[in-house]
Amino acid sequence: ASGGSLGHPARPDDRPAHVTVRNDHWEDLTVYLERDGSQFRLGVVEGNAVRTLPVPGIYLSRGTAMYFVAKQAGRETHVRSAPFGLYPGAQARWTLSLSHQESPVIVVDDGS
């Protein structure tokens, strides 16, 4: 039998990934995952704080470039990450620096 519950097979690709976001800004920022032109809200990271946010497995896709986007409520400006790939079970880090430049996402565990 497989590792699923109630007789259903386990679906490892449904596992979420996680991103630990360090916000060096004073303002609270809402973090989104952007993929294929759509944005998916992940959560809020308070100013000068670190928070780990889950990225639901349904948003992850192999071979598609993704970006994290951080926005301050009521403002048009935002911070966007460099493109990256993220897989089910992966752990990543993203630092929102004060220099509003494109910042890299560091995948510290690829989920395998």
Protein backbone atom coordinates (compact mmCIF):
# COMPACT_ATOMS: atom_id res chain seq x y z
CA ALA A 1 0.00 0.00 0.00
CA SER A 2 1.14 3.53 -0.58
CA GLY A 3 1.62 6.29 1.97
CA GLY A 4 -1.75 7.97 1.42
CA SER A 5 -4.60 8.04 3.90
CA LEU A 6 -7.97 6.32 3.62
CA GLY A 7 -6.73 4.09 0.81
CA HIS A 8 -5.82 7.00 -1.49
CA PRO A 9 -2.29 7.12 -2.88
CA ALA A 10 0.03 9.84 -1.62
CA ARG A 11 0.40 12.75 -4.02
CA PRO A 12 3.86 14.19 -3.29
CA ASP A 13 3.42 16.98 -5.86
CA ASP A 14 0.65 18.46 -3.71
CA ARG A 15 3.19 19.32 -1.02
CA PRO A 16 3.64 23.05 -0.47
CA ALA A 17 6.94 24.83 -0.81
CA HIS A 18 7.93 27.48 1.74
CA VAL A 19 9.65 30.82 1.39
CA THR A 20 11.28 32.67 4.27
CA VAL A 21 11.00 36.39 3.53
CA ARG A 22 13.18 38.99 5.24
CA ASN A 23 11.61 42.44 4.93
CA ASP A 24 14.21 45.18 5.44
CA HIS A 25 11.59 47.88 4.69
CA TRP A 26 9.77 49.85 7.40
CA GLU A 27 6.42 49.13 5.79
CA ASP A 28 4.41 45.91 5.89
CA LEU A 29 4.49 44.24 2.47
CA THR A 30 2.09 41.74 0.92
CA VAL A 31 3.90 38.95 -0.91
CA TYR A 32 2.56 37.33 -4.07
CA LEU A 33 3.75 34.51 -6.29
CA GLU A 34 3.59 35.50 -9.97
CA ARG A 35 3.41 32.78 -12.62
CA ASP A 36 2.16 32.89 -16.21
CA GLY A 37 0.95 36.49 -15.76
CA SER A 38 -1.19 35.74 -12.68
CA GLN A 39 -0.47 36.69 -9.08
CA PHE A 40 -1.36 34.57 -6.06
CA ARG A 41 -1.35 36.18 -2.59
CA LEU A 42 0.88 34.34 -0.09
CA GLY A 43 0.69 36.62 2.95
CA VAL A 44 1.95 39.74 4.70
CA VAL A 45 5.46 40.26 6.05
CA GLU A 46 5.64 43.03 8.63
CA GLY A 47 8.26 45.78 8.37
CA ASN A 48 11.73 44.81 9.65
CA ALA A 49 10.60 41.23 10.21
CA VAL A 50 11.18 37.70 8.95
CA ARG A 51 8.29 35.38 8.14
CA THR A 52 7.98 31.97 6.48
CA LEU A 53 5.06 31.69 4.06
CA PRO A 54 3.65 28.52 2.50
CA VAL A 55 3.41 28.33 -1.29
CA PRO A 56 0.56 25.89 -2.09
CA GLY A 57 1.59 23.03 -4.36
CA ILE A 58 -1.16 23.90 -6.84
CA TYR A 59 0.73 27.15 -7.66
CA LEU A 60 4.00 25.37 -8.38
CA SER A 61 4.81 24.14 -11.85
CA ARG A 62 7.94 22.55 -13.13
CA GLY A 63 9.73 24.38 -15.89
CA THR A 64 7.79 27.64 -15.56
CA ALA A 65 9.61 30.78 -14.43
CA MET A 66 8.11 32.30 -11.30
CA TYR A 67 8.64 35.54 -9.43
CA PHE A 68 7.87 36.81 -5.96
CA VAL A 69 6.31 40.28 -5.86
CA ALA A 70 5.97 42.42 -2.72
CA LYS A 71 3.56 45.36 -2.58
CA GLN A 72 2.74 47.98 0.01
CA ALA A 73 -0.99 48.58 0.50
CA GLY A 74 -2.25 51.56 -1.50
CA ARG A 75 0.91 52.01 -3.57
CA GLU A 76 1.63 51.18 -7.20
CA THR A 77 5.34 50.50 -6.66
CA HIS A 78 6.51 47.02 -5.81
CA VAL A 79 9.60 44.86 -5.41
CA ARG A 80 10.00 41.89 -7.73
CA SER A 81 12.38 38.97 -7.45
CA ALA A 82 14.59 37.59 -10.15
CA PRO A 83 13.00 34.59 -11.94
CA PHE A 84 13.33 31.22 -10.22
CA GLY A 85 11.95 27.69 -10.16
CA LEU A 86 10.27 26.25 -7.06
CA TYR A 87 9.14 22.68 -6.56
CA PRO A 88 6.88 20.86 -4.07
CA GLY A 89 8.62 20.53 -0.70
CA ALA A 90 11.28 23.15 -1.51
CA GLN A 91 12.54 25.77 0.94
CA ALA A 92 13.55 29.20 -0.37
CA ARG A 93 14.73 32.55 1.00
CA TRP A 94 14.00 36.03 -0.32
CA THR A 95 15.34 39.28 1.12
CA LEU A 96 13.46 42.50 0.42
CA SER A 97 16.27 45.02 0.55
CA LEU A 98 15.87 48.77 0.79
CA SER A 99 17.31 49.20 -2.69
CA HIS A 100 14.11 48.31 -4.65
CA GLN A 101 16.24 46.42 -7.19
CA GLU A 102 15.40 42.98 -8.49
CA SER A 103 16.51 40.55 -5.81
CA PRO A 104 17.37 36.87 -6.13
CA VAL A 105 15.45 34.01 -4.56
CA ILE A 106 17.75 31.45 -2.99
CA VAL A 107 16.42 27.89 -3.03
CA VAL A 108 18.10 26.24 -0.04
CA ASP A 109 16.38 22.86 -0.33
CA ASP A 110 14.94 21.71 -3.66
CA GLY A 111 12.36 19.44 -2.02
CA SER A 112 13.81 16.15 -3.23
